[in-house]
PDB file of N, CA and C in Angstrom:
ATOM      1  N   MET A   1      84.033  86.264  99.841  1.00  0.00           N
ATOM      2  CA  MET A   1      84.636  86.740 101.604  1.00  0.00           C
ATOM      3  C   MET A   1      84.248  88.064 101.614  1.00  0.00           C
ATOM      4  N   THR A   2      83.887  89.062 102.551  1.00  0.00           N
ATOM      5  CA  THR A   2      83.409  90.097 102.821  1.00  0.00           C
ATOM      6  C   THR A   2      84.439  90.631 103.642  1.00  0.00           C
ATOM      7  N   VAL A   3      85.163  91.889 103.396  1.00  0.00           N
ATOM      8  CA  VAL A   3      86.547  92.757 103.629  1.00  0.00           C
ATOM      9  C   VAL A   3      85.833  94.101 103.977  1.00  0.00           C
ATOM     10  N   ARG A   4      85.207  94.510 105.412  1.00  0.00           N
ATOM     11  CA  ARG A   4      84.853  95.902 105.998  1.00  0.00           C
ATOM     12  C   ARG A   4      85.746  97.019 105.989  1.00  0.00           C
ATOM     13  N   VAL A   5      86.481  97.578 106.330  1.00  0.00           N
ATOM     14  CA  VAL A   5      87.516  98.706 106.616  1.00  0.00           C
ATOM     15  C   VAL A   5      86.868 100.300 106.841  1.00  0.00           C
ATOM     16  N   HIS A   6      87.126 100.237 108.231  1.00  0.00           N
ATOM     17  CA  HIS A   6      85.848 101.301 108.815  1.00  0.00           C
ATOM     18  C   HIS A   6      87.549 102.170 108.808  1.00  0.00           C
ATOM     19  N   ILE A   7      87.295 104.068 108.698  1.00  0.00           N
ATOM     20  CA  ILE A   7      88.174 104.649 108.908  1.00  0.00           C
ATOM     21  C   ILE A   7      88.003 105.356 109.615  1.00  0.00           C
ATOM     22  N   GLU A   8      87.236 105.396 110.977  1.00  0.00           N
ATOM     23  CA  GLU A   8      86.991 107.313 111.167  1.00  0.00           C
ATOM     24  C   GLU A   8      88.043 108.463 111.587  1.00  0.00           C
ATOM     25  N   ARG A   9      89.205 108.017 111.623  1.00  0.00           N
ATOM     26  CA  ARG A   9      89.964 109.360 111.145  1.00  0.00           C
ATOM     27  C   ARG A   9      91.077 108.789 111.280  1.00  0.00           C
ATOM     28  N   LEU A  10      91.921 109.390 110.300  1.00  0.00           N
ATOM     29  CA  LEU A  10      92.802 108.924 110.162  1.00  0.00           C
ATOM     30  C   LEU A  10      94.474 110.658 110.673  1.00  0.00           C
ATOM     31  N   VAL A  11      95.220 110.089 111.359  1.00  0.00           N
ATOM     32  CA  VAL A  11      96.194 111.250 111.117  1.00  0.00           C
ATOM     33  C   VAL A  11      97.416 110.996 110.585  1.00  0.00           C
ATOM     34  N   LEU A  12      97.750 112.426 109.880  1.00  0.00           N
ATOM     35  CA  LEU A  12      99.041 112.226 109.573  1.00  0.00           C
ATOM     36  C   LEU A  12      99.903 113.005 110.219  1.00  0.00           C
ATOM     37  N   GLU A  13     100.908 112.624 111.174  1.00  0.00           N
ATOM     38  CA  GLU A  13     101.720 113.761 112.132  1.00  0.00           C
ATOM     39  C   GLU A  13     102.793 114.364 110.813  1.00  0.00           C
ATOM     40  N   GLY A  14     102.720 115.684 111.028  1.00  0.00           N
ATOM     41  CA  GLY A  14     104.156 116.037 109.935  1.00  0.00           C
ATOM     42  C   GLY A  14     104.580 116.414 108.658  1.00  0.00           C
ATOM     43  N   LEU A  15     102.987 116.542 108.483  1.00  0.00           N
ATOM     44  CA  LEU A  15     102.857 116.403 107.367  1.00  0.00           C
ATOM     45  C   LEU A  15     101.399 117.403 106.187  1.00  0.00           C
ATOM     46  N   GLN A  16     101.977 118.522 105.471  1.00  0.00           N
ATOM     47  CA  GLN A  16     101.255 119.946 105.176  1.00  0.00           C
ATOM     48  C   GLN A  16      99.816 119.243 103.868  1.00  0.00           C
ATOM     49  N   VAL A  17      98.648 118.332 104.704  1.00  0.00           N
ATOM     50  CA  VAL A  17      98.027 118.295 103.613  1.00  0.00           C
ATOM     51  C   VAL A  17      97.085 119.156 103.595  1.00  0.00           C
ATOM     52  N   GLY A  18      95.971 120.054 102.401  1.00  0.00           N
ATOM     53  CA  GLY A  18      95.552 121.300 102.834  1.00  0.00           C
ATOM     54  C   GLY A  18      94.048 119.655 103.170  1.00  0.00           C
ATOM     55  N   PRO A  19      93.146 121.543 102.919  1.00  0.00           N
ATOM     56  CA  PRO A  19      91.371 120.429 102.780  1.00  0.00           C
ATOM     57  C   PRO A  19      91.181 120.125 101.710  1.00  0.00           C
ATOM     58  N   HIS A  20      91.652 120.367 100.386  1.00  0.00           N
ATOM     59  CA  HIS A  20      91.234 119.854  99.226  1.00  0.00           C
ATOM     60  C   HIS A  20      91.750 119.366  99.175  1.00  0.00           C
ATOM     61  N   GLN A  21      93.040 118.291  99.347  1.00  0.00           N
ATOM     62  CA  GLN A  21      93.796 117.285  99.381  1.00  0.00           C
ATOM     63  C   GLN A  21      93.803 116.121  99.589  1.00  0.00           C
ATOM     64  N   GLY A  22      92.602 115.885 100.608  1.00  0.00           N
ATOM     65  CA  GLY A  22      91.927 115.120 101.884  1.00  0.00           C
ATOM     66  C   GLY A  22      91.558 114.438 101.112  1.00  0.00           C
ATOM     67  N   GLU A  23      90.582 114.755 100.499  1.00  0.00           N
ATOM     68  CA  GLU A  23      89.992 113.878  99.680  1.00  0.00           C
ATOM     69  C   GLU A  23      90.573 113.145  98.760  1.00  0.00           C
ATOM     70  N   ALA A  24      91.334 113.683  97.837  1.00  0.00           N
ATOM     71  CA  ALA A  24      92.264 112.611  97.098  1.00  0.00           C
ATOM     72  C   ALA A  24      93.294 111.617  97.709  1.00  0.00           C
ATOM     73  N   VAL A  25      93.573 111.995  98.451  1.00  0.00           N
ATOM     74  CA  VAL A  25      94.572 111.289  99.440  1.00  0.00           C
ATOM     75  C   VAL A  25      93.979 109.810  99.937  1.00  0.00           C
ATOM     76  N   ALA A  26      92.342 110.190 100.423  1.00  0.00           N
ATOM     77  CA  ALA A  26      91.615 109.366 100.889  1.00  0.00           C
ATOM     78  C   ALA A  26      91.178 108.385  99.569  1.00  0.00           C
ATOM     79  N   HIS A  27      90.687 108.877  98.781  1.00  0.00           N
ATOM     80  CA  HIS A  27      90.497 107.906  97.182  1.00  0.00           C
ATOM     81  C   HIS A  27      91.175 107.228  96.944  1.00  0.00           C
ATOM     82  N   ALA A  28      92.849 107.765  96.813  1.00  0.00           N
ATOM     83  CA  ALA A  28      93.465 107.149  96.393  1.00  0.00           C
ATOM     84  C   ALA A  28      94.059 105.811  97.282  1.00  0.00           C
ATOM     85  N   LEU A  29      94.052 106.537  98.857  1.00  0.00           N
ATOM     86  CA  LEU A  29      93.902 105.300  99.644  1.00  0.00           C
ATOM     87  C   LEU A  29      92.686 104.362  99.469  1.00  0.00           C
ATOM     88  N   GLU A  30      91.816 104.843  99.861  1.00  0.00           N
ATOM     89  CA  GLU A  30      90.708 103.412  99.330  1.00  0.00           C
ATOM     90  C   GLU A  30      90.986 102.497  98.166  1.00  0.00           C
ATOM     91  N   ALA A  31      91.586 103.254  96.674  1.00  0.00           N
ATOM     92  CA  ALA A  31      91.695 102.058  95.816  1.00  0.00           C
ATOM     93  C   ALA A  31      92.401 100.983  96.332  1.00  0.00           C
ATOM     94  N   GLU A  32      94.209 101.838  96.618  1.00  0.00           N
ATOM     95  CA  GLU A  32      95.083 100.972  96.991  1.00  0.00           C
ATOM     96  C   GLU A  32      94.610 100.134  97.705  1.00  0.00           C
ATOM     97  N   LEU A  33      93.823 100.182  98.656  1.00  0.00           N
ATOM     98  CA  LEU A  33      94.026  99.611 100.644  1.00  0.00           C
ATOM     99  C   LEU A  33      93.429  98.399  99.582  1.00  0.00           C
ATOM    100  N   THR A  34      92.259  98.912  99.153  1.00  0.00           N
ATOM    101  CA  THR A  34      91.487  98.098  97.925  1.00  0.00           C
ATOM    102  C   THR A  34      91.707  96.954  97.543  1.00  0.00           C
ATOM    103  N   GLU A  35      92.740  96.969  96.592  1.00  0.00           N
ATOM    104  CA  GLU A  35      93.518  96.233  95.759  1.00  0.00           C
ATOM    105  C   GLU A  35      94.559  95.371  96.356  1.00  0.00           C
ATOM    106  N   ARG A  36      95.405  95.900  97.610  1.00  0.00           N
ATOM    107  CA  ARG A  36      96.048  95.346  98.084  1.00  0.00           C
ATOM    108  C   ARG A  36      94.731  93.929  99.009  1.00  0.00           C
ATOM    109  N   LEU A  37      94.096  94.157 100.199  1.00  0.00           N
ATOM    110  CA  LEU A  37      93.413  93.687 100.749  1.00  0.00           C
ATOM    111  C   LEU A  37      92.647  92.045 100.116  1.00  0.00           C
ATOM    112  N   ALA A  38      92.113  92.792  98.760  1.00  0.00           N
ATOM    113  CA  ALA A  38      91.808  91.543  97.719  1.00  0.00           C
ATOM    114  C   ALA A  38      92.463  90.625  97.743  1.00  0.00           C
ATOM    115  N   ARG A  39      93.969  90.818  97.684  1.00  0.00           N
ATOM    116  CA  ARG A  39      94.977  90.041  96.928  1.00  0.00           C
ATOM    117  C   ARG A  39      95.750  89.601  98.319  1.00  0.00           C
ATOM    118  N   ALA A  40      95.633  89.425  99.931  1.00  0.00           N
ATOM    119  CA  ALA A  40      95.474  89.415 101.180  1.00  0.00           C
ATOM    120  C   ALA A  40      95.002  88.025 101.294  1.00  0.00           C
ATOM    121  N   GLU A  41      96.180  87.370 102.104  1.00  0.00           N
ATOM    122  CA  GLU A  41      95.168  86.016 102.907  1.00  0.00           C
ATOM    123  C   GLU A  41      94.531  86.463 103.969  1.00  0.00           C
ATOM    124  N   PRO A  42      93.274  86.101 104.779  1.00  0.00           N
ATOM    125  CA  PRO A  42      92.835  86.603 105.497  1.00  0.00           C
ATOM    126  C   PRO A  42      92.995  87.340 106.712  1.00  0.00           C
ATOM    127  N   LEU A  43      93.218  88.845 107.549  1.00  0.00           N
ATOM    128  CA  LEU A  43      94.035  88.821 108.259  1.00  0.00           C
ATOM    129  C   LEU A  43      92.865  88.668 109.329  1.00  0.00           C
ATOM    130  N   PHE A  44      92.160  88.136 109.827  1.00  0.00           N
ATOM    131  CA  PHE A  44      90.929  88.077 110.980  1.00  0.00           C
ATOM    132  C   PHE A  44      90.586  86.519 110.983  1.00  0.00           C
ATOM    133  N   PRO A  45      91.015  85.690 111.489  1.00  0.00           N
ATOM    134  CA  PRO A  45      88.937  85.036 111.298  1.00  0.00           C
ATOM    135  C   PRO A  45      88.315  84.962 111.671  1.00  0.00           C
ATOM    136  N   GLY A  46      87.124  85.255 110.676  1.00  0.00           N
ATOM    137  CA  GLY A  46      85.808  85.686 111.836  1.00  0.00           C
ATOM    138  C   GLY A  46      85.851  87.067 112.164  1.00  0.00           C
ATOM    139  N   SER A  47      85.135  87.861 113.014  1.00  0.00           N
ATOM    140  CA  SER A  47      84.604  89.609 112.827  1.00  0.00           C
ATOM    141  C   SER A  47      86.234  90.306 113.114  1.00  0.00           C
ATOM    142  N   ALA A  48      86.451  91.683 113.568  1.00  0.00           N
ATOM    143  CA  ALA A  48      87.183  91.751 114.510  1.00  0.00           C
ATOM    144  C   ALA A  48      87.418  93.606 114.392  1.00  0.00           C
ATOM    145  N   ALA A  49      87.541  94.064 114.757  1.00  0.00           N
ATOM    146  CA  ALA A  49      87.721  95.639 115.042  1.00  0.00           C
ATOM    147  C   ALA A  49      89.256  95.364 115.861  1.00  0.00           C
ATOM    148  N   LEU A  50      90.214  96.892 115.344  1.00  0.00           N
ATOM    149  CA  LEU A  50      91.069  97.650 116.200  1.00  0.00           C
ATOM    150  C   LEU A  50      91.282  98.397 116.280  1.00  0.00           C
ATOM    151  N   PRO A  51      90.537  99.319 117.728  1.00  0.00           N
ATOM    152  CA  PRO A  51      90.703 100.156 118.666  1.00  0.00           C
ATOM    153  C   PRO A  51      90.670 102.116 117.845  1.00  0.00           C
ATOM    154  N   SER A  52      91.725 100.504 117.594  1.00  0.00           N
ATOM    155  CA  SER A  52      93.421 101.907 116.590  1.00  0.00           C
ATOM    156  C   SER A  52      94.522 101.109 116.258  1.00  0.00           C
ATOM    157  N   LEU A  53      95.121 102.113 115.997  1.00  0.00           N
ATOM    158  CA  LEU A  53      96.665 101.185 114.348  1.00  0.00           C
ATOM    159  C   LEU A  53      97.681 102.618 114.365  1.00  0.00           C
ATOM    160  N   ARG A  54      98.435 102.325 114.472  1.00  0.00           N
ATOM    161  CA  ARG A  54      99.875 103.343 115.064  1.00  0.00           C
ATOM    162  C   ARG A  54     100.774 102.551 114.303  1.00  0.00           C
ATOM    163  N   LEU A  55     101.215 103.681 112.784  1.00  0.00           N
ATOM    164  CA  LEU A  55     101.796 102.685 112.724  1.00  0.00           C
ATOM    165  C   LEU A  55     103.214 104.199 111.754  1.00  0.00           C
ATOM    166  N   GLU A  56     104.355 103.258 111.787  1.00  0.00           N
ATOM    167  CA  GLU A  56     105.386 104.187 111.192  1.00  0.00           C
ATOM    168  C   GLU A  56     105.664 103.887 109.806  1.00  0.00           C
ATOM    169  N   ALA A  57     105.984 105.417 109.193  1.00  0.00           N
ATOM    170  CA  ALA A  57     105.694 105.280 107.622  1.00  0.00           C
ATOM    171  C   ALA A  57     106.310 106.206 107.342  1.00  0.00           C
ATOM    172  N   PRO A  58     107.575 105.790 107.135  1.00  0.00           N
ATOM    173  CA  PRO A  58     109.201 106.877 106.843  1.00  0.00           C
ATOM    174  C   PRO A  58     108.878 107.257 104.983  1.00  0.00           C
ATOM    175  N   GLY A  59     109.570 108.535 104.740  1.00  0.00           N
ATOM    176  CA  GLY A  59     109.152 108.528 103.516  1.00  0.00           C
ATOM    177  C   GLY A  59     107.693 109.234 102.515  1.00  0.00           C
ATOM    178  N   LEU A  60     106.935 109.083 104.584  1.00  0.00           N
ATOM    179  CA  LEU A  60     105.417 109.713 103.099  1.00  0.00           C
ATOM    180  C   LEU A  60     105.667 111.493 102.426  1.00  0.00           C
ATOM    181  N   GLU A  61     106.278 112.235 103.686  1.00  0.00           N
ATOM    182  CA  GLU A  61     106.623 113.734 103.425  1.00  0.00           C
ATOM    183  C   GLU A  61     107.491 113.938 101.306  1.00  0.00           C
ATOM    184  N   ARG A  62     107.556 112.609 101.438  1.00  0.00           N
ATOM    185  CA  ARG A  62     108.731 112.635  99.566  1.00  0.00           C
ATOM    186  C   ARG A  62     107.308 113.070  98.607  1.00  0.00           C
ATOM    187  N   ALA A  63     106.055 112.377  98.799  1.00  0.00           N
ATOM    188  CA  ALA A  63     105.382 112.207  98.167  1.00  0.00           C
ATOM    189  C   ALA A  63     104.831 113.357  97.326  1.00  0.00           C
ATOM    190  N   ARG A  64     104.955 113.479  95.768  1.00  0.00           N
ATOM    191  CA  ARG A  64     104.434 114.519  94.935  1.00  0.00           C
ATOM    192  C   ARG A  64     103.269 114.851  94.866  1.00  0.00           C
ATOM    193  N   THR A  65     102.357 113.699  95.149  1.00  0.00           N
ATOM    194  CA  THR A  65     100.988 114.078  94.907  1.00  0.00           C
ATOM    195  C   THR A  65     100.212 113.679  95.853  1.00  0.00           C
ATOM    196  N   SER A  66      98.620 113.717  95.934  1.00  0.00           N
ATOM    197  CA  SER A  66      97.695 113.965  96.767  1.00  0.00           C
ATOM    198  C   SER A  66      97.580 111.893  96.936  1.00  0.00           C
ATOM    199  N   GLN A  67      97.154 111.651  95.509  1.00  0.00           N
ATOM    200  CA  GLN A  67      97.329 110.391  95.110  1.00  0.00           C
ATOM    201  C   GLN A  67      98.421 109.465  95.817  1.00  0.00           C
ATOM    202  N   ALA A  68      99.573 109.721  95.197  1.00  0.00           N
ATOM    203  CA  ALA A  68     100.665 108.830  95.617  1.00  0.00           C
ATOM    204  C   ALA A  68     100.985 109.086  97.232  1.00  0.00           C
ATOM    205  N   LEU A  69      99.968 110.244  98.250  1.00  0.00           N
ATOM    206  CA  LEU A  69     100.111 110.467  99.232  1.00  0.00           C
ATOM    207  C   LEU A  69      99.176 108.559 100.223  1.00  0.00           C
ATOM    208  N   GLY A  70      97.940 108.823  99.429  1.00  0.00           N
ATOM    209  CA  GLY A  70      97.406 108.506  99.857  1.00  0.00           C
ATOM    210  C   GLY A  70      97.760 106.316  99.296  1.00  0.00           C
ATOM    211  N   ARG A  71      98.399 106.356  98.231  1.00  0.00           N
ATOM    212  CA  ARG A  71      98.496 104.963  97.648  1.00  0.00           C
ATOM    213  C   ARG A  71      99.802 104.254  99.172  1.00  0.00           C
ATOM    214  N   GLN A  72     100.874 104.919  99.310  1.00  0.00           N
ATOM    215  CA  GLN A  72     101.958 105.297 100.309  1.00  0.00           C
ATOM    216  C   GLN A  72     101.312 104.874 101.358  1.00  0.00           C
ATOM    217  N   VAL A  73     100.574 105.371 101.990  1.00  0.00           N
ATOM    218  CA  VAL A  73      99.700 105.498 103.658  1.00  0.00           C
ATOM    219  C   VAL A  73      99.735 104.216 103.545  1.00  0.00           C
ATOM    220  N   ALA A  74      98.222 103.528 101.979  1.00  0.00           N
ATOM    221  CA  ALA A  74      97.786 102.516 102.139  1.00  0.00           C
ATOM    222  C   ALA A  74      98.844 101.659 102.338  1.00  0.00           C
ATOM    223  N   ARG A  75      99.707 101.343 101.712  1.00  0.00           N
ATOM    224  CA  ARG A  75     100.183 100.374 102.080  1.00  0.00           C
ATOM    225  C   ARG A  75     101.218  99.669 103.098  1.00  0.00           C
ATOM    226  N   ALA A  76     101.247 101.696 103.813  1.00  0.00           N
ATOM    227  CA  ALA A  76     101.690 100.768 105.271  1.00  0.00           C
ATOM    228  C   ALA A  76     100.076 100.241 105.545  1.00  0.00           C
ATOM    229  N   LEU A  77      99.384 100.958 105.649  1.00  0.00           N
ATOM    230  CA  LEU A  77      98.232 100.467 106.753  1.00  0.00           C
ATOM    231  C   LEU A  77      97.877  98.548 106.003  1.00  0.00           C
ATOM    232  N   ALA A  78      97.965  98.577 105.552  1.00  0.00           N
ATOM    233  CA  ALA A  78      97.841  97.105 104.190  1.00  0.00           C
ATOM    234  C   ALA A  78      98.859  96.071 105.467  1.00  0.00           C
ATOM    235  N   THR A  79     100.107  96.665 105.507  1.00  0.00           N
ATOM    236  CA  THR A  79     101.124  95.643 106.156  1.00  0.00           C
ATOM    237  C   THR A  79     101.011  95.991 107.608  1.00  0.00           C
ATOM    238  N   GLY A  80     100.618  97.259 108.209  1.00  0.00           N
ATOM    239  CA  GLY A  80     100.095  96.721 109.942  1.00  0.00           C
ATOM    240  C   GLY A  80      99.585  96.104 110.258  1.00  0.00           C
ATOM    241  N   LEU A  81      98.142  96.279 109.454  1.00  0.00           N
ATOM    242  CA  LEU A  81      96.826  94.658 109.327  1.00  0.00           C
ATOM    243  C   LEU A  81      97.104  93.829 109.254  1.00  0.00           C
ATOM    244  N   GLY A  82      98.119  93.640 108.501  1.00  0.00           N
ATOM    245  CA  GLY A  82      98.894  92.008 108.192  1.00  0.00           C
ATOM    246  C   GLY A  82     100.111  91.723 109.633  1.00  0.00           C
ATOM    247  N   SER A  83     100.501  92.120 110.530  1.00  0.00           N
ATOM    248  CA  SER A  83     101.254  92.625 111.416  1.00  0.00           C
ATOM    249  C   SER A  83     100.984  92.130 112.448  1.00  0.00           C
ATOM    250  N   ALA A  84      99.132  93.100 112.602  1.00  0.00           N
ATOM    251  CA  ALA A  84      98.657  93.501 114.171  1.00  0.00           C
ATOM    252  C   ALA A  84      97.873  92.246 114.789  1.00  0.00           C
ATOM    253  N   GLU A  85      98.256  91.972 115.736  1.00  0.00           N
ATOM    254  CA  GLU A  85      97.449  91.300 116.903  1.00  0.00           C
ATOM    255  C   GLU A  85      96.527  91.297 116.701  1.00  0.00           C
ATOM    256  N   PRO A  86      95.342  90.369 116.591  1.00  0.00           N
ATOM    257  CA  PRO A  86      94.077  89.729 116.380  1.00  0.00           C
ATOM    258  C   PRO A  86      93.467  90.904 117.823  1.00  0.00           C
ATOM    259  N   PRO A  87      92.467  91.575 118.370  1.00  0.00           N
ATOM    260  CA  PRO A  87      92.427  91.779 119.402  1.00  0.00           C
ATOM    261  C   PRO A  87      91.767  90.306 120.060  1.00  0.00           C
ATOM    262  N   CYS A  88      91.610  90.282 121.177  1.00  0.00           N
ATOM    263  CA  CYS A  88      91.046  89.458 121.833  1.00  0.00           C
ATOM    264  C   CYS A  88      89.447  89.407 122.091  1.00  0.00           C
ATOM    265  N   SER A  89      88.650  88.603 122.561  1.00  0.00           N
ATOM    266  CA  SER A  89      87.377  88.285 122.125  1.00  0.00           C
ATOM    267  C   SER A  89      86.469  88.827 123.555  1.00  0.00           C
TER     268      SER A  89
END
């Protein structure tokens, strides 16, 4: 099975993420999300697209590194995807 996740834009409201930190956050998010989705049950049968997904992820401001922040965002995203309602066809 192939799972593709395309994140066009990630908005982290209330966090100070510098321009050089963004890439490190993205790499950590990708690695953690890949690992979590590889272990997960299929999210939706067939093909589905979510135009947006708004998540609450308390505690992100306590992440000490860009890598930790990326991992925490990935955990919230994996949880959010697992509980999201599949879009209507």
